[in-house]
Amino acid sequence: MTYKEFLELLEELQLDLDSASEALDLEISEIEAWEEEEEIPKSAEKWIKKEKVEFATLNNTNEDEDFEDEEDENLDDDDDLDLIVEEDEEEK
């Protein structure tokens, strides 16, 4: 993996060099020096790929919950309509 690909993945994961520096226990200047190399260290490549998998997992965990919430919201809307109809009937 090249330094450019590493930076692109960081951006995709909404991370920055500070985050990478902390996670890899390196100075930012050490990470920036990778730009001169053909490939980044394997430990950094392994870390960023792990982060990508975790990021994807986090983004997929709420799909079923959102679906249930949408159904609940629709039920609440129907309840409100029933109240409006009842109020109109009482006024007549």
PDB file of N, CA and C in Angstrom:
ATOM      1  N   MET A   1       0.862  -1.173   0.000  1.00  0.00           N
ATOM      2  CA  MET A   1       0.000   0.000   0.000  1.00  0.00           C
ATOM      3  C   MET A   1       0.906   1.233   0.000  1.00  0.00           C
ATOM      4  N   THR A   2       0.567   2.182  -0.837  1.00  0.00           N
ATOM      5  CA  THR A   2       1.358   3.407  -0.910  1.00  0.00           C
ATOM      6  C   THR A   2       0.890   4.413   0.140  1.00  0.00           C
ATOM      7  N   TYR A   3       1.711   5.415   0.345  1.00  0.00           N
ATOM      8  CA  TYR A   3       1.367   6.483   1.289  1.00  0.00           C
ATOM      9  C   TYR A   3       0.085   7.196   0.854  1.00  0.00           C
ATOM     10  N   LYS A   4      -0.036   7.419  -0.441  1.00  0.00           N
ATOM     11  CA  LYS A   4      -1.230   8.095  -0.963  1.00  0.00           C
ATOM     12  C   LYS A   4      -2.487   7.266  -0.670  1.00  0.00           C
ATOM     13  N   GLU A   5      -2.417   5.961  -0.887  1.00  0.00           N
ATOM     14  CA  GLU A   5      -3.555   5.080  -0.598  1.00  0.00           C
ATOM     15  C   GLU A   5      -3.885   5.098   0.901  1.00  0.00           C
ATOM     16  N   PHE A   6      -2.832   5.135   1.717  1.00  0.00           N
ATOM     17  CA  PHE A   6      -3.009   5.210   3.165  1.00  0.00           C
ATOM     18  C   PHE A   6      -3.767   6.477   3.541  1.00  0.00           C
ATOM     19  N   LEU A   7      -3.360   7.603   2.982  1.00  0.00           N
ATOM     20  CA  LEU A   7      -4.042   8.879   3.264  1.00  0.00           C
ATOM     21  C   LEU A   7      -5.494   8.857   2.792  1.00  0.00           C
ATOM     22  N   GLU A   8      -5.744   8.265   1.642  1.00  0.00           N
ATOM     23  CA  GLU A   8      -7.107   8.164   1.127  1.00  0.00           C
ATOM     24  C   GLU A   8      -7.990   7.335   2.061  1.00  0.00           C
ATOM     25  N   LEU A   9      -7.436   6.237   2.574  1.00  0.00           N
ATOM     26  CA  LEU A   9      -8.192   5.414   3.521  1.00  0.00           C
ATOM     27  C   LEU A   9      -8.450   6.161   4.820  1.00  0.00           C
ATOM     28  N   LEU A  10      -7.458   6.904   5.294  1.00  0.00           N
ATOM     29  CA  LEU A  10      -7.665   7.716   6.500  1.00  0.00           C
ATOM     30  C   LEU A  10      -8.834   8.667   6.303  1.00  0.00           C
ATOM     31  N   GLU A  11      -8.848   9.328   5.155  1.00  0.00           N
ATOM     32  CA  GLU A  11      -9.927  10.281   4.861  1.00  0.00           C
ATOM     33  C   GLU A  11     -11.276   9.572   4.781  1.00  0.00           C
ATOM     34  N   GLU A  12     -11.308   8.436   4.129  1.00  0.00           N
ATOM     35  CA  GLU A  12     -12.539   7.654   3.999  1.00  0.00           C
ATOM     36  C   GLU A  12     -13.075   7.252   5.367  1.00  0.00           C
ATOM     37  N   LEU A  13     -12.168   6.958   6.283  1.00  0.00           N
ATOM     38  CA  LEU A  13     -12.552   6.520   7.625  1.00  0.00           C
ATOM     39  C   LEU A  13     -12.736   7.699   8.578  1.00  0.00           C
ATOM     40  N   GLN A  14     -12.610   8.895   8.045  1.00  0.00           N
ATOM     41  CA  GLN A  14     -12.756  10.122   8.819  1.00  0.00           C
ATOM     42  C   GLN A  14     -11.742  10.184   9.957  1.00  0.00           C
ATOM     43  N   LEU A  15     -10.516   9.759   9.645  1.00  0.00           N
ATOM     44  CA  LEU A  15      -9.406   9.814  10.579  1.00  0.00           C
ATOM     45  C   LEU A  15      -8.366  10.779  10.030  1.00  0.00           C
ATOM     46  N   ASP A  16      -7.418  11.163  10.885  1.00  0.00           N
ATOM     47  CA  ASP A  16      -6.346  12.043  10.440  1.00  0.00           C
ATOM     48  C   ASP A  16      -5.001  11.464  10.855  1.00  0.00           C
ATOM     49  N   LEU A  17      -3.934  12.186  10.533  1.00  0.00           N
ATOM     50  CA  LEU A  17      -2.601  11.698  10.873  1.00  0.00           C
ATOM     51  C   LEU A  17      -2.403  11.622  12.385  1.00  0.00           C
ATOM     52  N   ASP A  18      -3.050  12.500  13.136  1.00  0.00           N
ATOM     53  CA  ASP A  18      -2.957  12.423  14.602  1.00  0.00           C
ATOM     54  C   ASP A  18      -3.488  11.083  15.103  1.00  0.00           C
ATOM     55  N   SER A  19      -4.624  10.664  14.563  1.00  0.00           N
ATOM     56  CA  SER A  19      -5.218   9.375  14.958  1.00  0.00           C
ATOM     57  C   SER A  19      -4.284   8.223  14.609  1.00  0.00           C
ATOM     58  N   ALA A  20      -3.733   8.272  13.410  1.00  0.00           N
ATOM     59  CA  ALA A  20      -2.810   7.226  12.977  1.00  0.00           C
ATOM     60  C   ALA A  20      -1.563   7.230  13.850  1.00  0.00           C
ATOM     61  N   SER A  21      -1.076   8.411  14.160  1.00  0.00           N
ATOM     62  CA  SER A  21       0.107   8.544  14.988  1.00  0.00           C
ATOM     63  C   SER A  21      -0.096   7.907  16.363  1.00  0.00           C
ATOM     64  N   GLU A  22      -1.237   8.191  16.966  1.00  0.00           N
ATOM     65  CA  GLU A  22      -1.550   7.620  18.273  1.00  0.00           C
ATOM     66  C   GLU A  22      -1.695   6.102  18.195  1.00  0.00           C
ATOM     67  N   ALA A  23      -2.437   5.630  17.214  1.00  0.00           N
ATOM     68  CA  ALA A  23      -2.700   4.200  17.094  1.00  0.00           C
ATOM     69  C   ALA A  23      -1.428   3.405  16.812  1.00  0.00           C
ATOM     70  N   LEU A  24      -0.546   3.976  16.013  1.00  0.00           N
ATOM     71  CA  LEU A  24       0.673   3.266  15.616  1.00  0.00           C
ATOM     72  C   LEU A  24       1.859   3.593  16.524  1.00  0.00           C
ATOM     73  N   ASP A  25       1.650   4.487  17.478  1.00  0.00           N
ATOM     74  CA  ASP A  25       2.691   4.913  18.415  1.00  0.00           C
ATOM     75  C   ASP A  25       3.921   5.440  17.669  1.00  0.00           C
ATOM     76  N   LEU A  26       3.637   6.344  16.727  1.00  0.00           N
ATOM     77  CA  LEU A  26       4.681   6.982  15.927  1.00  0.00           C
ATOM     78  C   LEU A  26       4.473   8.489  15.926  1.00  0.00           C
ATOM     79  N   GLU A  27       5.540   9.206  15.637  1.00  0.00           N
ATOM     80  CA  GLU A  27       5.426  10.649  15.443  1.00  0.00           C
ATOM     81  C   GLU A  27       4.830  10.908  14.059  1.00  0.00           C
ATOM     82  N   ILE A  28       4.109  11.996  13.921  1.00  0.00           N
ATOM     83  CA  ILE A  28       3.506  12.349  12.626  1.00  0.00           C
ATOM     84  C   ILE A  28       4.601  12.480  11.567  1.00  0.00           C
ATOM     85  N   SER A  29       5.728  13.033  11.947  1.00  0.00           N
ATOM     86  CA  SER A  29       6.829  13.200  10.978  1.00  0.00           C
ATOM     87  C   SER A  29       7.321  11.842  10.452  1.00  0.00           C
ATOM     88  N   GLU A  30       7.278  10.823  11.301  1.00  0.00           N
ATOM     89  CA  GLU A  30       7.672   9.483  10.854  1.00  0.00           C
ATOM     90  C   GLU A  30       6.690   8.950   9.813  1.00  0.00           C
ATOM     91  N   ILE A  31       5.408   9.210  10.038  1.00  0.00           N
ATOM     92  CA  ILE A  31       4.383   8.767   9.075  1.00  0.00           C
ATOM     93  C   ILE A  31       4.530   9.532   7.769  1.00  0.00           C
ATOM     94  N   GLU A  32       4.755  10.836   7.877  1.00  0.00           N
ATOM     95  CA  GLU A  32       4.906  11.653   6.671  1.00  0.00           C
ATOM     96  C   GLU A  32       6.123  11.235   5.851  1.00  0.00           C
ATOM     97  N   ALA A  33       7.124  10.668   6.507  1.00  0.00           N
ATOM     98  CA  ALA A  33       8.333  10.212   5.809  1.00  0.00           C
ATOM     99  C   ALA A  33       8.037   9.034   4.884  1.00  0.00           C
ATOM    100  N   TRP A  34       6.930   8.349   5.113  1.00  0.00           N
ATOM    101  CA  TRP A  34       6.552   7.217   4.259  1.00  0.00           C
ATOM    102  C   TRP A  34       6.290   7.655   2.821  1.00  0.00           C
ATOM    103  N   GLU A  35       6.017   8.944   2.641  1.00  0.00           N
ATOM    104  CA  GLU A  35       5.735   9.452   1.302  1.00  0.00           C
ATOM    105  C   GLU A  35       6.909   9.176   0.357  1.00  0.00           C
ATOM    106  N   GLU A  36       8.114   9.131   0.900  1.00  0.00           N
ATOM    107  CA  GLU A  36       9.321   8.896   0.108  1.00  0.00           C
ATOM    108  C   GLU A  36       9.545   7.409  -0.183  1.00  0.00           C
ATOM    109  N   GLU A  37       8.825   6.545   0.517  1.00  0.00           N
ATOM    110  CA  GLU A  37       8.989   5.099   0.348  1.00  0.00           C
ATOM    111  C   GLU A  37       8.006   4.577  -0.705  1.00  0.00           C
ATOM    112  N   GLU A  38       8.300   3.404  -1.237  1.00  0.00           N
ATOM    113  CA  GLU A  38       7.380   2.782  -2.192  1.00  0.00           C
ATOM    114  C   GLU A  38       6.128   2.273  -1.496  1.00  0.00           C
ATOM    115  N   GLU A  39       6.307   1.722  -0.298  1.00  0.00           N
ATOM    116  CA  GLU A  39       5.180   1.173   0.454  1.00  0.00           C
ATOM    117  C   GLU A  39       5.285   1.604   1.907  1.00  0.00           C
ATOM    118  N   ILE A  40       4.125   1.651   2.551  1.00  0.00           N
ATOM    119  CA  ILE A  40       4.118   1.946   3.982  1.00  0.00           C
ATOM    120  C   ILE A  40       4.457   0.667   4.743  1.00  0.00           C
ATOM    121  N   PRO A  41       4.848   0.772   6.016  1.00  0.00           N
ATOM    122  CA  PRO A  41       5.139  -0.438   6.799  1.00  0.00           C
ATOM    123  C   PRO A  41       3.920  -1.355   6.897  1.00  0.00           C
ATOM    124  N   LYS A  42       4.182  -2.638   6.956  1.00  0.00           N
ATOM    125  CA  LYS A  42       3.096  -3.631   7.020  1.00  0.00           C
ATOM    126  C   LYS A  42       2.226  -3.429   8.261  1.00  0.00           C
ATOM    127  N   SER A  43       2.825  -3.001   9.377  1.00  0.00           N
ATOM    128  CA  SER A  43       2.038  -2.783  10.597  1.00  0.00           C
ATOM    129  C   SER A  43       1.000  -1.686  10.387  1.00  0.00           C
ATOM    130  N   ALA A  44       1.360  -0.645   9.646  1.00  0.00           N
ATOM    131  CA  ALA A  44       0.426   0.440   9.369  1.00  0.00           C
ATOM    132  C   ALA A  44      -0.666  -0.019   8.402  1.00  0.00           C
ATOM    133  N   GLU A  45      -0.269  -0.809   7.426  1.00  0.00           N
ATOM    134  CA  GLU A  45      -1.236  -1.344   6.462  1.00  0.00           C
ATOM    135  C   GLU A  45      -2.248  -2.247   7.176  1.00  0.00           C
ATOM    136  N   LYS A  46      -1.743  -3.076   8.063  1.00  0.00           N
ATOM    137  CA  LYS A  46      -2.614  -3.972   8.822  1.00  0.00           C
ATOM    138  C   LYS A  46      -3.579  -3.165   9.701  1.00  0.00           C
ATOM    139  N   TRP A  47      -3.066  -2.115  10.349  1.00  0.00           N
ATOM    140  CA  TRP A  47      -3.902  -1.278  11.220  1.00  0.00           C
ATOM    141  C   TRP A  47      -5.017  -0.588  10.425  1.00  0.00           C
ATOM    142  N   ILE A  48      -4.675   0.022   9.293  1.00  0.00           N
ATOM    143  CA  ILE A  48      -5.679   0.775   8.528  1.00  0.00           C
ATOM    144  C   ILE A  48      -6.735  -0.154   7.954  1.00  0.00           C
ATOM    145  N   LYS A  49      -6.355  -1.352   7.566  1.00  0.00           N
ATOM    146  CA  LYS A  49      -7.332  -2.316   7.049  1.00  0.00           C
ATOM    147  C   LYS A  49      -8.267  -2.776   8.166  1.00  0.00           C
ATOM    148  N   LYS A  50      -7.734  -2.952   9.351  1.00  0.00           N
ATOM    149  CA  LYS A  50      -8.559  -3.322  10.508  1.00  0.00           C
ATOM    150  C   LYS A  50      -9.561  -2.202  10.817  1.00  0.00           C
ATOM    151  N   GLU A  51      -9.095  -0.970  10.760  1.00  0.00           N
ATOM    152  CA  GLU A  51      -9.975   0.178  11.000  1.00  0.00           C
ATOM    153  C   GLU A  51     -11.091   0.234   9.953  1.00  0.00           C
ATOM    154  N   LYS A  52     -10.752  -0.092   8.720  1.00  0.00           N
ATOM    155  CA  LYS A  52     -11.749  -0.064   7.643  1.00  0.00           C
ATOM    156  C   LYS A  52     -12.841  -1.104   7.895  1.00  0.00           C
ATOM    157  N   VAL A  53     -12.452  -2.297   8.339  1.00  0.00           N
ATOM    158  CA  VAL A  53     -13.432  -3.344   8.639  1.00  0.00           C
ATOM    159  C   VAL A  53     -14.325  -2.908   9.801  1.00  0.00           C
ATOM    160  N   GLU A  54     -13.733  -2.344  10.845  1.00  0.00           N
ATOM    161  CA  GLU A  54     -14.514  -1.889  11.995  1.00  0.00           C
ATOM    162  C   GLU A  54     -15.458  -0.758  11.601  1.00  0.00           C
ATOM    163  N   PHE A  55     -14.991   0.138  10.747  1.00  0.00           N
ATOM    164  CA  PHE A  55     -15.819   1.255  10.285  1.00  0.00           C
ATOM    165  C   PHE A  55     -17.024   0.740   9.508  1.00  0.00           C
ATOM    166  N   ALA A  56     -16.789  -0.228   8.645  1.00  0.00           N
ATOM    167  CA  ALA A  56     -17.878  -0.811   7.856  1.00  0.00           C
ATOM    168  C   ALA A  56     -18.880  -1.514   8.765  1.00  0.00           C
ATOM    169  N   THR A  57     -18.379  -2.202   9.767  1.00  0.00           N
ATOM    170  CA  THR A  57     -19.253  -2.903  10.711  1.00  0.00           C
ATOM    171  C   THR A  57     -20.119  -1.911  11.472  1.00  0.00           C
ATOM    172  N   LEU A  58     -19.517  -0.830  11.925  1.00  0.00           N
ATOM    173  CA  LEU A  58     -20.270   0.185  12.668  1.00  0.00           C
ATOM    174  C   LEU A  58     -21.362   0.812  11.811  1.00  0.00           C
ATOM    175  N   ASN A  59     -21.065   1.023  10.555  1.00  0.00           N
ATOM    176  CA  ASN A  59     -22.048   1.649   9.674  1.00  0.00           C
ATOM    177  C   ASN A  59     -23.183   0.723   9.287  1.00  0.00           C
ATOM    178  N   ASN A  60     -23.027  -0.576   9.468  1.00  0.00           N
ATOM    179  CA  ASN A  60     -24.066  -1.529   9.096  1.00  0.00           C
ATOM    180  C   ASN A  60     -24.873  -2.039  10.273  1.00  0.00           C
ATOM    181  N   THR A  61     -24.531  -1.667  11.490  1.00  0.00           N
ATOM    182  CA  THR A  61     -25.189  -2.252  12.658  1.00  0.00           C
ATOM    183  C   THR A  61     -26.591  -1.720  12.897  1.00  0.00           C
ATOM    184  N   ASN A  62     -26.923  -0.550  12.425  1.00  0.00           N
ATOM    185  CA  ASN A  62     -28.209   0.063  12.755  1.00  0.00           C
ATOM    186  C   ASN A  62     -29.280  -0.115  11.691  1.00  0.00           C
ATOM    187  N   GLU A  63     -29.017  -0.860  10.662  1.00  0.00           N
ATOM    188  CA  GLU A  63     -29.991  -0.984   9.577  1.00  0.00           C
ATOM    189  C   GLU A  63     -31.321  -1.537  10.070  1.00  0.00           C
ATOM    190  N   ASP A  64     -31.299  -2.622  10.803  1.00  0.00           N
ATOM    191  CA  ASP A  64     -32.542  -3.223  11.289  1.00  0.00           C
ATOM    192  C   ASP A  64     -33.226  -2.331  12.302  1.00  0.00           C
ATOM    193  N   GLU A  65     -32.471  -1.673  13.161  1.00  0.00           N
ATOM    194  CA  GLU A  65     -33.057  -0.789  14.158  1.00  0.00           C
ATOM    195  C   GLU A  65     -33.772   0.382  13.487  1.00  0.00           C
ATOM    196  N   ASP A  66     -33.163   0.954  12.447  1.00  0.00           N
ATOM    197  CA  ASP A  66     -33.796   2.064  11.744  1.00  0.00           C
ATOM    198  C   ASP A  66     -35.113   1.625  11.116  1.00  0.00           C
ATOM    199  N   PHE A  67     -35.140   0.426  10.587  1.00  0.00           N
ATOM    200  CA  PHE A  67     -36.356  -0.078   9.965  1.00  0.00           C
ATOM    201  C   PHE A  67     -37.482  -0.131  10.991  1.00  0.00           C
ATOM    202  N   GLU A  68     -37.205  -0.631  12.186  1.00  0.00           N
ATOM    203  CA  GLU A  68     -38.221  -0.710  13.236  1.00  0.00           C
ATOM    204  C   GLU A  68     -38.676   0.686  13.648  1.00  0.00           C
ATOM    205  N   ASP A  69     -37.725   1.616  13.743  1.00  0.00           N
ATOM    206  CA  ASP A  69     -38.076   2.981  14.121  1.00  0.00           C
ATOM    207  C   ASP A  69     -39.017   3.609  13.104  1.00  0.00           C
ATOM    208  N   GLU A  70     -38.770   3.355  11.823  1.00  0.00           N
ATOM    209  CA  GLU A  70     -39.640   3.903  10.789  1.00  0.00           C
ATOM    210  C   GLU A  70     -41.055   3.364  10.929  1.00  0.00           C
ATOM    211  N   GLU A  71     -41.173   2.084  11.231  1.00  0.00           N
ATOM    212  CA  GLU A  71     -42.500   1.507  11.418  1.00  0.00           C
ATOM    213  C   GLU A  71     -43.197   2.149  12.603  1.00  0.00           C
ATOM    214  N   ASP A  72     -42.472   2.343  13.695  1.00  0.00           N
ATOM    215  CA  ASP A  72     -43.037   2.970  14.888  1.00  0.00           C
ATOM    216  C   ASP A  72     -43.479   4.396  14.587  1.00  0.00           C
ATOM    217  N   GLU A  73     -42.679   5.125  13.821  1.00  0.00           N
ATOM    218  CA  GLU A  73     -43.037   6.497  13.473  1.00  0.00           C
ATOM    219  C   GLU A  73     -44.337   6.517  12.677  1.00  0.00           C
ATOM    220  N   ASN A  74     -44.498   5.598  11.759  1.00  0.00           N
ATOM    221  CA  ASN A  74     -45.722   5.544  10.961  1.00  0.00           C
ATOM    222  C   ASN A  74     -46.928   5.256  11.840  1.00  0.00           C
ATOM    223  N   LEU A  75     -46.771   4.406  12.813  1.00  0.00           N
ATOM    224  CA  LEU A  75     -47.871   4.116  13.727  1.00  0.00           C
ATOM    225  C   LEU A  75     -48.250   5.353  14.522  1.00  0.00           C
ATOM    226  N   ASP A  76     -47.241   6.097  14.946  1.00  0.00           N
ATOM    227  CA  ASP A  76     -47.517   7.314  15.701  1.00  0.00           C
ATOM    228  C   ASP A  76     -48.280   8.309  14.837  1.00  0.00           C
ATOM    229  N   ASP A  77     -47.940   8.425  13.573  1.00  0.00           N
ATOM    230  CA  ASP A  77     -48.639   9.338  12.675  1.00  0.00           C
ATOM    231  C   ASP A  77     -50.114   8.932  12.545  1.00  0.00           C
ATOM    232  N   ASP A  78     -50.384   7.644  12.449  1.00  0.00           N
ATOM    233  CA  ASP A  78     -51.752   7.168  12.341  1.00  0.00           C
ATOM    234  C   ASP A  78     -52.544   7.506  13.598  1.00  0.00           C
ATOM    235  N   ASP A  79     -51.923   7.396  14.757  1.00  0.00           N
ATOM    236  CA  ASP A  79     -52.588   7.740  16.014  1.00  0.00           C
ATOM    237  C   ASP A  79     -52.986   9.204  16.019  1.00  0.00           C
ATOM    238  N   ASP A  80     -52.114  10.069  15.519  1.00  0.00           N
ATOM    239  CA  ASP A  80     -52.414  11.497  15.463  1.00  0.00           C
ATOM    240  C   ASP A  80     -53.602  11.755  14.543  1.00  0.00           C
ATOM    241  N   LEU A  81     -53.676  11.049  13.439  1.00  0.00           N
ATOM    242  CA  LEU A  81     -54.789  11.228  12.511  1.00  0.00           C
ATOM    243  C   LEU A  81     -56.107  10.800  13.159  1.00  0.00           C
ATOM    244  N   ASP A  82     -56.080   9.716  13.923  1.00  0.00           N
ATOM    245  CA  ASP A  82     -57.279   9.258  14.619  1.00  0.00           C
ATOM    246  C   ASP A  82     -57.778  10.316  15.598  1.00  0.00           C
ATOM    247  N   LEU A  83     -56.861  10.975  16.280  1.00  0.00           N
ATOM    248  CA  LEU A  83     -57.246  12.010  17.236  1.00  0.00           C
ATOM    249  C   LEU A  83     -57.898  13.182  16.518  1.00  0.00           C
ATOM    250  N   ILE A  84     -57.367  13.553  15.376  1.00  0.00           N
ATOM    251  CA  ILE A  84     -57.926  14.668  14.615  1.00  0.00           C
ATOM    252  C   ILE A  84     -59.334  14.322  14.142  1.00  0.00           C
ATOM    253  N   VAL A  85     -59.536  13.115  13.660  1.00  0.00           N
ATOM    254  CA  VAL A  85     -60.847  12.674  13.196  1.00  0.00           C
ATOM    255  C   VAL A  85     -61.833  12.688  14.368  1.00  0.00           C
ATOM    256  N   GLU A  86     -61.413  12.187  15.527  1.00  0.00           N
ATOM    257  CA  GLU A  86     -62.287  12.164  16.707  1.00  0.00           C
ATOM    258  C   GLU A  86     -62.671  13.580  17.123  1.00  0.00           C
ATOM    259  N   GLU A  87     -61.715  14.513  17.100  1.00  0.00           N
ATOM    260  CA  GLU A  87     -62.003  15.894  17.469  1.00  0.00           C
ATOM    261  C   GLU A  87     -63.014  16.503  16.502  1.00  0.00           C
ATOM    262  N   ASP A  88     -62.866  16.243  15.202  1.00  0.00           N
ATOM    263  CA  ASP A  88     -63.789  16.775  14.212  1.00  0.00           C
ATOM    264  C   ASP A  88     -65.199  16.230  14.457  1.00  0.00           C
ATOM    265  N   GLU A  89     -65.297  14.959  14.786  1.00  0.00           N
ATOM    266  CA  GLU A  89     -66.600  14.352  15.021  1.00  0.00           C
ATOM    267  C   GLU A  89     -67.244  14.941  16.274  1.00  0.00           C
ATOM    268  N   GLU A  90     -66.475  15.243  17.293  1.00  0.00           N
ATOM    269  CA  GLU A  90     -67.003  15.821  18.530  1.00  0.00           C
ATOM    270  C   GLU A  90     -67.536  17.244  18.276  1.00  0.00           C
ATOM    271  N   GLU A  91     -66.869  17.980  17.406  1.00  0.00           N
ATOM    272  CA  GLU A  91     -67.296  19.339  17.107  1.00  0.00           C
ATOM    273  C   GLU A  91     -68.644  19.366  16.388  1.00  0.00           C
ATOM    274  N   LYS A  92     -68.955  18.319  15.645  1.00  0.00           N
ATOM    275  CA  LYS A  92     -70.200  18.272  14.868  1.00  0.00           C
ATOM    276  C   LYS A  92     -71.284  17.974  15.806  1.00  0.00           C
TER     277      LYS A  92
END
